Amino acid sequence: MSDVPRRTAQRTAKLVSLPLGMAGRGAIGLGKRVGGQSAEAVAAQFQAKTAEQVFAVLGELKGGAMKIGQALSVMEAAMPEEWAGPYRATLTKLQEAAPPLPPAQVHAVLAAELGPRWRTAKFRDFDDIPAAAASIGQVHKATWRDGRTVAVKIQYPGARDALLSDLTQLSRVARVAAGWIPGLDIKPVMAELRARMSEELDYLLEADHQRAFADAFRGDPDFAIPDVVHATAKVLVSDWLPGVPLSRIIAEGGTDTRNAAAQLYLEFLLAGPVRSGQLHADPHPGNFRITPDGRLGVLDFGAVNRLPSGLPPAIGRLLTFALAGDADQLLAGLREEGFIKPSIAVDPQELLGYLVMFLEPLTYERYTFDRAWLRSVSLRVNDIRRPEWVVGMKLNLPPEYLLIHRVWLGGIGVLCQIGGELPPREVLARYLPGFDLALLPPGR
């Protein structure tokens, strides 16, 4: 067996081990219940062991599994502290780190993309030790031929096959999960996800996205986007962007720093579609930093949702209906946008009660997003004994909202990791079309 098929088989075996491991732990849990342990104690043990295996497996893989791992690491803020705490370092490591590519393989990619004399023709110097490594590529610091300091992002050899193979395996798990959710149509969602992941492999396309953001935010006092210096299909060279990673601010930042970072982070995610016609769709902390002049620096434009007219006004209208307590308009609007299938019956007031849980921060003039709030929401939504769980099972995710939903969900997770105070209603009113503060009761 050659190296490529062998690596693919090994990756598949690791991914398959996840559901098998969960099934085994489920059987053990049933035995413990028969033996007299409480449901809550067994559930906590099951969750802890499952999380340990999930992040151990995903952390060893690049490609699609690593992308999923990064998304999960963003949401660690929603996990109960008693078992999320010991794994937090492992989870957040997925945001920026992966096993680095050896220098010989880096040089081979650069020679293929930039020519055999790449080191002397393109660079004054090149650091073989990567400055960052992530899911489908790693970044090296270098000096470009004109003397500027640059970041050189190099795609891992075989990244395309690995990414799409992992996505195929994960799709099988998703299809099984979708069978338990009567309101969810998983096929178009997975097709959209596959198309988006394929785009992330094209660094020429990513360069176009980055140029659009850089042009839209050029000279901005609050945001910094590095210019593209050179691009090929598998190598992307950009201006080096100095700064303190958002992950470090999450770990050790003071109150003022957290507040500023949280507001800049939320404003950028909302301002992107307004200013550039694009939504930055990879919101984990590894892609953001606070520059020495206090701006929010933004990296990695492989995952972008093109929104030439900005965010859909329906989002702002639906948020307004929910916060104003208009259950009937909310239900009608969600049906119109495809979030609830015509065949699914939902009580308007129960639907409103379900969504209001997520919107509590928008009932305040200023709010501190934190892990405690997100955990409380997560526990309520995932408790099958509560009516919210039944409502959640009836909701659908239209494919055109896939990346928007992913960004908002991930963005909320990051805000809760940062733990900063900000005026959420004011920020949404400034950037989100259809969101009408005049129709809402005063904030608390």
Protein backbone atom coordinates (compact mmCIF):
# COMPACT_ATOMS: atom_id res chain seq x y z
CA MET A 1 0.00 0.00 0.00
CA SER A 2 1.41 3.42 -0.98
CA ASP A 3 1.71 6.26 1.53
CA VAL A 4 -1.35 8.19 0.29
CA PRO A 5 -3.89 5.32 0.52
CA ARG A 6 -2.35 4.27 3.84
CA ARG A 7 -2.72 7.79 5.29
CA THR A 8 -6.30 7.97 4.00
CA ALA A 9 -7.13 4.64 5.62
CA GLN A 10 -5.58 5.76 8.89
CA ARG A 11 -7.57 9.03 8.84
CA THR A 12 -10.82 7.17 8.10
CA ALA A 13 -10.14 4.72 10.92
CA LYS A 14 -9.63 7.58 13.37
CA LEU A 15 -12.85 9.30 12.32
CA VAL A 16 -14.83 6.05 12.44
CA SER A 17 -13.49 5.49 15.96
CA LEU A 18 -15.53 8.48 17.17
CA PRO A 19 -19.05 7.00 16.79
CA LEU A 20 -17.79 3.55 17.81
CA GLY A 21 -16.27 4.99 20.96
CA MET A 22 -19.47 6.84 21.74
CA ALA A 23 -21.51 3.65 21.29
CA GLY A 24 -19.21 1.77 23.65
CA ARG A 25 -19.43 4.46 26.30
CA GLY A 26 -23.21 4.50 25.89
CA ALA A 27 -23.35 0.79 26.71
CA ILE A 28 -21.13 1.30 29.74
CA GLY A 29 -23.35 4.20 30.82
CA LEU A 30 -26.44 2.00 30.63
CA GLY A 31 -24.70 -0.52 32.84
CA LYS A 32 -23.93 2.16 35.40
CA ARG A 33 -27.56 3.32 35.38
CA VAL A 34 -28.69 -0.25 36.05
CA GLY A 35 -26.13 -0.28 38.85
CA GLY A 36 -27.76 2.71 40.52
CA GLN A 37 -25.86 5.82 39.37
CA SER A 38 -27.96 8.91 38.64
CA ALA A 39 -28.73 9.97 35.06
CA GLU A 40 -26.93 13.28 35.64
CA ALA A 41 -23.75 11.59 36.88
CA VAL A 42 -23.68 9.12 34.00
CA ALA A 43 -24.35 11.91 31.48
CA ALA A 44 -21.48 13.99 32.86
CA GLN A 45 -19.08 11.05 32.66
CA PHE A 46 -20.24 10.20 29.13
CA GLN A 47 -19.78 13.80 27.95
CA ALA A 48 -16.33 14.09 29.50
CA LYS A 49 -15.02 10.88 27.92
CA THR A 50 -16.60 11.70 24.56
CA ALA A 51 -15.05 15.19 24.52
CA GLU A 52 -11.66 13.74 25.42
CA GLN A 53 -11.76 11.32 22.49
CA VAL A 54 -13.24 13.80 20.00
CA PHE A 55 -10.59 16.42 20.55
CA ALA A 56 -7.77 13.87 20.78
CA VAL A 57 -8.71 12.44 17.38
CA LEU A 58 -9.48 15.72 15.63
CA GLY A 59 -6.33 17.31 17.00
CA GLU A 60 -4.21 14.74 15.17
CA LEU A 61 -5.80 15.43 11.79
CA LYS A 62 -5.61 18.23 9.27
CA GLY A 63 -8.27 18.80 6.62
CA GLY A 64 -12.00 18.66 7.24
CA ALA A 65 -11.72 16.99 10.64
CA MET A 66 -9.40 19.73 11.81
CA LYS A 67 -11.85 22.37 10.54
CA ILE A 68 -14.63 20.73 12.56
CA GLY A 69 -12.30 20.57 15.55
CA GLN A 70 -11.61 24.28 15.29
CA ALA A 71 -15.32 25.01 15.15
CA LEU A 72 -15.87 22.87 18.25
CA SER A 73 -13.01 24.60 20.07
CA VAL A 74 -14.76 27.94 19.54
CA MET A 75 -17.82 26.53 21.31
CA GLU A 76 -15.96 25.20 24.35
CA ALA A 77 -17.44 28.16 26.23
CA ALA A 78 -20.79 26.35 26.18
CA MET A 79 -19.43 23.24 27.90
CA PRO A 80 -19.93 22.62 31.64
CA GLU A 81 -16.89 23.92 33.51
CA GLU A 82 -16.38 20.75 35.54
CA TRP A 83 -15.25 18.87 32.44
CA ALA A 84 -14.47 21.61 29.91
CA GLY A 85 -11.86 23.17 32.17
CA PRO A 86 -9.28 20.32 32.00
CA TYR A 87 -9.49 20.25 28.20
CA ARG A 88 -9.60 23.99 27.47
CA ALA A 89 -5.92 24.17 26.61
CA THR A 90 -6.34 21.26 24.19
CA LEU A 91 -9.47 22.74 22.62
CA THR A 92 -8.08 26.22 22.07
CA LYS A 93 -4.85 24.74 20.71
CA LEU A 94 -6.91 23.57 17.73
CA GLN A 95 -7.55 27.23 16.88
CA GLU A 96 -3.98 27.92 15.84
CA ALA A 97 -1.85 24.81 16.00
CA ALA A 98 -1.39 21.58 14.09
CA PRO A 99 1.68 19.38 13.52
CA PRO A 100 3.97 21.42 11.22
CA LEU A 101 5.05 20.37 7.73
CA PRO A 102 8.75 19.42 7.50
CA PRO A 103 10.97 22.00 5.73
CA ALA A 104 11.69 19.70 2.78
CA GLN A 105 7.98 19.46 1.97
CA VAL A 106 7.57 23.22 2.41
CA HIS A 107 10.40 23.81 -0.05
CA ALA A 108 8.86 21.39 -2.54
CA VAL A 109 5.55 23.28 -2.51
CA LEU A 110 7.34 26.63 -2.91
CA ALA A 111 9.42 25.32 -5.79
CA ALA A 112 6.35 23.98 -7.58
CA GLU A 113 4.39 27.22 -7.09
CA LEU A 114 7.08 29.93 -7.26
CA GLY A 115 9.79 28.29 -9.35
CA PRO A 116 12.94 26.29 -8.49
CA ARG A 117 14.84 29.45 -7.50
CA TRP A 118 12.05 30.66 -5.23
CA ARG A 119 14.30 31.47 -2.27
CA THR A 120 16.56 33.92 -4.11
CA ALA A 121 14.09 35.10 -6.76
CA LYS A 122 11.20 35.93 -4.42
CA PHE A 123 12.63 36.41 -0.92
CA ARG A 124 15.52 38.08 0.86
CA ASP A 125 15.11 35.55 3.67
CA PHE A 126 12.66 32.83 4.63
CA ASP A 127 12.13 31.25 8.07
CA ASP A 128 11.76 27.47 7.77
CA ILE A 129 10.11 27.29 11.20
CA PRO A 130 6.38 27.99 10.77
CA ALA A 131 4.91 30.92 12.67
CA ALA A 132 1.48 29.26 12.67
CA ALA A 133 -0.06 26.00 11.50
CA ALA A 134 -3.73 25.29 10.99
CA SER A 135 -6.14 22.99 9.17
CA ILE A 136 -5.11 23.08 5.49
CA GLY A 137 -1.95 25.18 5.51
CA GLN A 138 0.80 26.74 7.58
CA VAL A 139 2.32 30.22 7.72
CA HIS A 140 6.00 31.21 7.54
CA LYS A 141 7.51 34.62 8.23
CA ALA A 142 9.77 35.93 5.48
CA THR A 143 11.20 39.07 3.88
CA TRP A 144 9.91 39.70 0.36
CA ARG A 145 12.28 40.77 -2.39
CA ASP A 146 11.32 44.46 -1.94
CA GLY A 147 12.23 44.37 1.76
CA ARG A 148 8.78 44.17 3.33
CA THR A 149 8.02 41.56 6.02
CA VAL A 150 5.48 39.05 4.78
CA ALA A 151 3.44 36.05 5.86
CA VAL A 152 3.70 33.10 3.46
CA LYS A 153 0.77 30.67 3.70
CA ILE A 154 1.55 27.28 2.18
CA GLN A 155 -1.10 24.63 1.53
CA TYR A 156 -0.35 21.15 2.81
CA PRO A 157 0.34 18.59 0.04
CA GLY A 158 -2.73 16.39 -0.32
CA ALA A 159 -4.93 18.87 1.52
CA ARG A 160 -7.70 18.63 -1.07
CA ASP A 161 -8.01 14.85 -0.82
CA ALA A 162 -7.80 14.97 2.98
CA LEU A 163 -10.38 17.73 3.30
CA LEU A 164 -12.95 16.12 1.02
CA SER A 165 -12.34 12.65 2.44
CA ASP A 166 -12.91 13.91 5.98
CA LEU A 167 -16.02 15.76 4.88
CA THR A 168 -17.41 12.58 3.31
CA GLN A 169 -16.90 10.68 6.57
CA LEU A 170 -18.40 13.47 8.63
CA SER A 171 -21.34 13.70 6.22
CA ARG A 172 -22.23 10.11 7.02
CA VAL A 173 -22.37 10.94 10.71
CA ALA A 174 -24.42 14.06 9.95
CA ARG A 175 -26.95 12.09 7.91
CA VAL A 176 -27.49 9.72 10.84
CA ALA A 177 -27.91 12.66 13.22
CA ALA A 178 -30.34 14.35 10.82
CA GLY A 179 -32.60 11.30 11.00
CA TRP A 180 -33.33 12.21 14.59
CA ILE A 181 -34.36 15.79 13.74
CA PRO A 182 -37.68 15.90 11.85
CA GLY A 183 -37.37 19.53 10.76
CA LEU A 184 -33.86 19.34 9.30
CA ASP A 185 -33.05 18.75 5.64
CA ILE A 186 -29.37 17.83 5.77
CA LYS A 187 -28.65 17.16 2.08
CA PRO A 188 -28.55 20.77 0.81
CA VAL A 189 -26.63 21.83 3.92
CA MET A 190 -23.91 19.26 3.32
CA ALA A 191 -23.78 20.17 -0.40
CA GLU A 192 -23.26 23.81 0.54
CA LEU A 193 -20.60 22.88 3.08
CA ARG A 194 -18.76 20.76 0.50
CA ALA A 195 -18.79 23.64 -2.02
CA ARG A 196 -17.49 26.10 0.57
CA MET A 197 -14.71 23.82 1.72
CA SER A 198 -13.61 23.31 -1.89
CA GLU A 199 -13.34 27.09 -2.24
CA GLU A 200 -11.06 27.27 0.80
CA LEU A 201 -8.50 25.18 -1.08
CA ASP A 202 -8.12 27.83 -3.80
CA TYR A 203 -5.63 30.44 -2.60
CA LEU A 204 -6.17 32.54 -5.74
CA LEU A 205 -9.82 32.86 -4.76
CA GLU A 206 -8.82 33.61 -1.17
CA ALA A 207 -6.51 36.35 -2.45
CA ASP A 208 -9.47 37.94 -4.25
CA HIS A 209 -11.50 37.86 -1.04
CA GLN A 210 -8.64 39.37 0.94
CA ARG A 211 -8.12 42.18 -1.59
CA ALA A 212 -11.81 43.07 -1.39
CA PHE A 213 -11.65 43.29 2.41
CA ALA A 214 -8.36 45.21 2.33
CA ASP A 215 -9.76 47.75 -0.13
CA ALA A 216 -12.98 48.17 1.85
CA PHE A 217 -11.18 48.75 5.17
CA ARG A 218 -8.08 50.57 3.92
CA GLY A 219 -7.15 53.39 6.31
CA ASP A 220 -9.82 52.37 8.81
CA PRO A 221 -9.08 53.50 12.39
CA ASP A 222 -10.49 50.31 13.92
CA PHE A 223 -9.62 47.44 11.57
CA ALA A 224 -6.45 46.25 9.80
CA ILE A 225 -6.46 43.90 6.80
CA PRO A 226 -3.08 42.88 5.32
CA ASP A 227 -2.55 43.47 1.60
CA VAL A 228 -1.93 40.56 -0.75
CA VAL A 229 1.62 40.60 -2.11
CA HIS A 230 1.58 37.50 -4.35
CA ALA A 231 -0.69 34.49 -4.84
CA THR A 232 -0.77 31.13 -6.58
CA ALA A 233 -3.25 28.27 -6.19
CA LYS A 234 -1.35 26.88 -3.16
CA VAL A 235 0.78 29.76 -1.86
CA LEU A 236 -0.48 33.11 -0.56
CA VAL A 237 1.93 35.91 0.40
CA SER A 238 0.56 38.82 2.45
CA ASP A 239 1.93 41.72 4.43
CA TRP A 240 2.92 40.58 7.92
CA LEU A 241 0.38 41.71 10.53
CA PRO A 242 1.87 42.17 14.00
CA GLY A 243 -0.22 42.06 17.13
CA VAL A 244 -1.42 40.15 20.18
CA PRO A 245 -3.51 37.11 19.21
CA LEU A 246 -7.08 37.16 20.42
CA SER A 247 -6.44 33.79 22.05
CA ARG A 248 -3.89 35.45 24.36
CA ILE A 249 -6.35 38.21 25.26
CA ILE A 250 -8.88 35.48 26.09
CA ALA A 251 -6.32 33.82 28.35
CA GLU A 252 -4.85 36.83 30.13
CA GLY A 253 -6.34 40.14 28.97
CA GLY A 254 -7.48 42.84 31.42
CA THR A 255 -11.02 44.23 31.60
CA ASP A 256 -10.48 47.24 29.32
CA THR A 257 -8.66 45.13 26.74
CA ARG A 258 -11.40 42.50 26.77
CA ASN A 259 -14.14 45.10 26.38
CA ALA A 260 -12.40 46.76 23.44
CA ALA A 261 -11.59 43.45 21.76
CA ALA A 262 -15.14 42.14 22.13
CA GLN A 263 -16.70 45.24 20.58
CA LEU A 264 -14.23 45.37 17.69
CA TYR A 265 -14.75 41.67 17.03
CA LEU A 266 -18.55 41.94 16.87
CA GLU A 267 -18.42 45.13 14.80
CA PHE A 268 -16.11 43.57 12.21
CA LEU A 269 -18.29 40.49 11.69
CA LEU A 270 -21.27 42.78 11.05
CA ALA A 271 -19.43 45.51 9.15
CA GLY A 272 -17.80 43.15 6.65
CA PRO A 273 -20.95 42.56 4.58
CA VAL A 274 -21.85 46.26 4.69
CA ARG A 275 -18.42 47.51 3.65
CA SER A 276 -17.08 44.74 1.38
CA GLY A 277 -20.13 42.69 0.40
CA GLN A 278 -18.51 39.69 2.11
CA LEU A 279 -18.89 37.93 5.45
CA HIS A 280 -15.69 36.64 7.06
CA ALA A 281 -16.82 33.09 7.77
CA ASP A 282 -14.02 31.68 9.94
CA PRO A 283 -14.53 33.46 13.26
CA HIS A 284 -12.21 31.51 15.58
CA PRO A 285 -9.71 33.56 17.64
CA GLY A 286 -6.64 32.39 15.71
CA ASN A 287 -7.69 34.64 12.84
CA PHE A 288 -7.78 37.86 14.88
CA ARG A 289 -5.29 39.97 16.81
CA ILE A 290 -5.01 43.40 18.39
CA THR A 291 -2.36 45.40 16.54
CA PRO A 292 0.12 47.69 18.33
CA ASP A 293 -2.03 50.73 17.40
CA GLY A 294 -5.15 49.17 18.94
CA ARG A 295 -6.93 48.00 15.80
CA LEU A 296 -8.45 44.58 15.22
CA GLY A 297 -6.22 42.75 12.75
CA VAL A 298 -7.98 40.13 10.63
CA LEU A 299 -6.42 37.11 8.89
CA ASP A 300 -7.49 34.12 6.76
CA PHE A 301 -10.09 34.85 4.10
CA GLY A 302 -10.45 31.33 2.74
CA ALA A 303 -13.97 30.96 4.14
CA VAL A 304 -16.05 33.88 2.89
CA ASN A 305 -19.76 34.23 2.24
CA ARG A 306 -20.34 36.61 -0.66
CA LEU A 307 -23.18 38.95 0.28
CA PRO A 308 -23.11 41.81 -2.28
CA SER A 309 -26.25 43.35 -0.75
CA GLY A 310 -25.07 42.85 2.83
CA LEU A 311 -26.68 40.57 5.40
CA PRO A 312 -30.25 39.56 4.51
CA PRO A 313 -32.74 42.12 5.95
CA ALA A 314 -34.89 39.16 7.04
CA ILE A 315 -32.42 38.49 9.86
CA GLY A 316 -32.90 41.95 11.33
CA ARG A 317 -36.68 41.73 10.95
CA LEU A 318 -36.83 38.31 12.63
CA LEU A 319 -34.71 39.53 15.54
CA THR A 320 -36.99 42.56 15.88
CA PHE A 321 -40.13 40.37 15.93
CA ALA A 322 -38.62 38.10 18.58
CA LEU A 323 -37.44 40.92 20.84
CA ALA A 324 -40.77 42.74 20.46
CA GLY A 325 -42.60 39.56 21.49
CA ASP A 326 -44.51 39.20 18.20
CA ALA A 327 -44.74 35.40 18.05
CA ASP A 328 -47.08 35.19 15.06
CA GLN A 329 -44.93 37.44 12.84
CA LEU A 330 -41.85 35.55 13.98
CA LEU A 331 -43.32 32.18 12.99
CA ALA A 332 -44.52 33.52 9.63
CA GLY A 333 -41.11 35.04 8.90
CA LEU A 334 -39.22 31.86 9.80
CA ARG A 335 -41.49 29.82 7.54
CA GLU A 336 -41.00 32.26 4.69
CA GLU A 337 -37.20 32.00 4.99
CA GLY A 338 -37.25 28.19 5.15
CA PHE A 339 -36.30 27.73 8.81
CA ILE A 340 -39.54 25.81 9.40
CA LYS A 341 -40.86 23.40 6.78
CA PRO A 342 -44.52 23.72 5.69
CA SER A 343 -45.28 20.25 7.08
CA ILE A 344 -43.98 21.04 10.58
CA ALA A 345 -46.42 22.35 13.21
CA VAL A 346 -44.95 24.75 15.78
CA ASP A 347 -46.71 26.67 18.54
CA PRO A 348 -45.84 30.40 18.09
CA GLN A 349 -45.39 31.08 21.80
CA GLU A 350 -43.22 28.01 22.34
CA LEU A 351 -41.11 29.05 19.35
CA LEU A 352 -40.74 32.55 20.79
CA GLY A 353 -39.73 31.11 24.16
CA TYR A 354 -37.10 28.96 22.48
CA LEU A 355 -35.48 31.82 20.55
CA VAL A 356 -35.64 34.38 23.37
CA MET A 357 -33.12 32.25 25.29
CA PHE A 358 -30.50 33.05 22.68
CA LEU A 359 -31.42 36.72 22.49
CA GLU A 360 -31.15 37.65 26.16
CA PRO A 361 -28.03 39.84 25.54
CA LEU A 362 -30.09 42.00 23.16
CA THR A 363 -32.52 42.90 25.93
CA TYR A 364 -29.73 44.91 27.62
CA GLU A 365 -28.17 48.23 26.65
CA ARG A 366 -24.81 46.84 27.70
CA TYR A 367 -24.07 43.17 28.25
CA THR A 368 -21.11 41.05 29.29
CA PHE A 369 -21.01 37.90 27.21
CA ASP A 370 -19.61 35.09 29.36
CA ARG A 371 -19.34 31.35 29.59
CA ALA A 372 -21.96 31.06 32.35
CA TRP A 373 -24.71 32.48 30.13
CA LEU A 374 -23.78 30.31 27.14
CA ARG A 375 -23.62 27.20 29.31
CA SER A 376 -27.06 27.91 30.73
CA VAL A 377 -28.51 28.21 27.21
CA SER A 378 -26.73 25.06 26.07
CA LEU A 379 -28.01 23.04 29.02
CA ARG A 380 -31.60 24.15 28.44
CA VAL A 381 -31.53 23.49 24.69
CA ASN A 382 -30.00 20.03 25.09
CA ASP A 383 -32.20 18.86 27.97
CA ILE A 384 -34.73 16.46 26.43
CA ARG A 385 -37.01 16.97 29.43
CA ARG A 386 -37.60 20.62 28.53
CA PRO A 387 -40.05 21.90 25.86
CA GLU A 388 -37.22 23.89 24.22
CA TRP A 389 -35.64 20.64 23.06
CA VAL A 390 -38.78 19.64 21.18
CA VAL A 391 -38.98 23.06 19.46
CA GLY A 392 -35.33 22.90 18.44
CA MET A 393 -35.90 19.51 16.78
CA LYS A 394 -38.45 21.12 14.45
CA LEU A 395 -36.17 23.78 13.00
CA ASN A 396 -34.43 23.59 9.62
CA LEU A 397 -31.24 25.32 8.40
CA PRO A 398 -31.62 26.67 4.83
CA PRO A 399 -28.33 26.22 2.92
CA GLU A 400 -28.13 29.95 2.07
CA TYR A 401 -27.94 30.64 5.80
CA LEU A 402 -25.33 27.96 6.53
CA LEU A 403 -22.26 30.21 6.76
CA ILE A 404 -24.21 33.05 8.37
CA HIS A 405 -25.43 30.65 11.06
CA ARG A 406 -21.94 29.23 11.52
CA VAL A 407 -20.44 32.71 11.92
CA TRP A 408 -23.06 33.87 14.40
CA LEU A 409 -22.86 30.70 16.46
CA GLY A 410 -19.07 30.75 16.46
CA GLY A 411 -18.97 34.50 17.03
CA ILE A 412 -21.14 34.22 20.12
CA GLY A 413 -18.86 31.47 21.41
CA VAL A 414 -15.79 33.68 20.93
CA LEU A 415 -17.50 36.66 22.58
CA CYS A 416 -18.21 34.46 25.60
CA GLN A 417 -14.56 33.38 25.68
CA ILE A 418 -13.41 37.01 25.56
CA GLY A 419 -15.81 37.95 28.36
CA GLY A 420 -16.04 41.61 27.37
CA GLU A 421 -18.86 44.10 27.94
CA LEU A 422 -20.33 45.90 24.91
CA PRO A 423 -23.57 47.55 23.67
CA PRO A 424 -25.00 44.75 21.46
CA ARG A 425 -28.24 46.52 20.48
CA GLU A 426 -26.35 49.61 19.38
CA VAL A 427 -23.91 47.59 17.27
CA LEU A 428 -26.68 45.64 15.55
CA ALA A 429 -28.72 48.77 14.88
CA ARG A 430 -25.67 50.32 13.20
CA TYR A 431 -24.86 47.44 10.85
CA LEU A 432 -27.78 44.98 10.56
CA PRO A 433 -30.48 45.90 8.01
CA GLY A 434 -34.03 45.32 9.21
CA PHE A 435 -33.13 45.57 12.91
CA ASP A 436 -35.36 48.36 14.26
CA LEU A 437 -34.68 49.62 17.78
CA ALA A 438 -37.72 51.91 17.59
CA LEU A 439 -40.02 48.86 17.71
CA LEU A 440 -38.36 47.35 20.78
CA PRO A 441 -38.97 47.94 24.48
CA PRO A 442 -36.17 49.89 26.20
CA GLY A 443 -33.08 47.89 27.08
CA ARG A 444 -32.39 46.97 30.67
